[in-house]
């Protein structure tokens, strides 16, 4: 009688152990799958000197000159990028730029971001930001007319994440001094006129600097001007 009871107890314990092993195995497989998914699709990670985690807070809460890092996906690979925040109330804009890739230069009427590989006196790859009290149509027509003297020019509308709808002017040089050069100008409407952001680069650097300039533009924010 006792042997039968012991046998039943052993069978029950074996079944329980088997069930627990299956549960633990499924849980382990699930955790492993979740870990693999996290590695293949990492979430953006950011760290900065200031508080505020939302995208809006990052734009309006950062101070001019504040530096921070973000981990972003570039061509399927997680890469840590070092940014510096720019807040210029004279021109009326905020933007983040990669301070290891560009040198920031400011004048009374414009801010320029020049490739660290270029000469500041005669750069090939750089981005200008300036202000105009005129409307978008007038400014876009003026830029198109000037560029068309040396470039082949096209004009269209584009929506940027940070500022919404704006006018884009693309110019490509085919002959003479402009051969191989590209210019992309964005005319961004604002209540007090418009902001003009112009990227200068080359056919050879289009995949690199062209994409970096577009990323900067996509994150740009127009703010209220305190200039004259």
Foldseek 3Di string as FASTA:
>chain_A
DVVVVVVVVVVVVVVVVVVVVVVVVVVVVVVVVVVVVCVQPPDKDWDFPDDDDDLVCVFPVDDQQGKIWMFDADPSDTDIAIWGWHQAQAQFKIWIARVVQWDWDDDNFKIKTAGPVADPVDGQWMKIKGHDQAAQVVVVVVVQVVLVVFWDKDKDWDQAQAQGIWIKMKTQGCDDPRRFKIKIWTWGDDPRHTMIMMTIHGPVCCVPRVVSVSVRVSSMHGGHHPHD
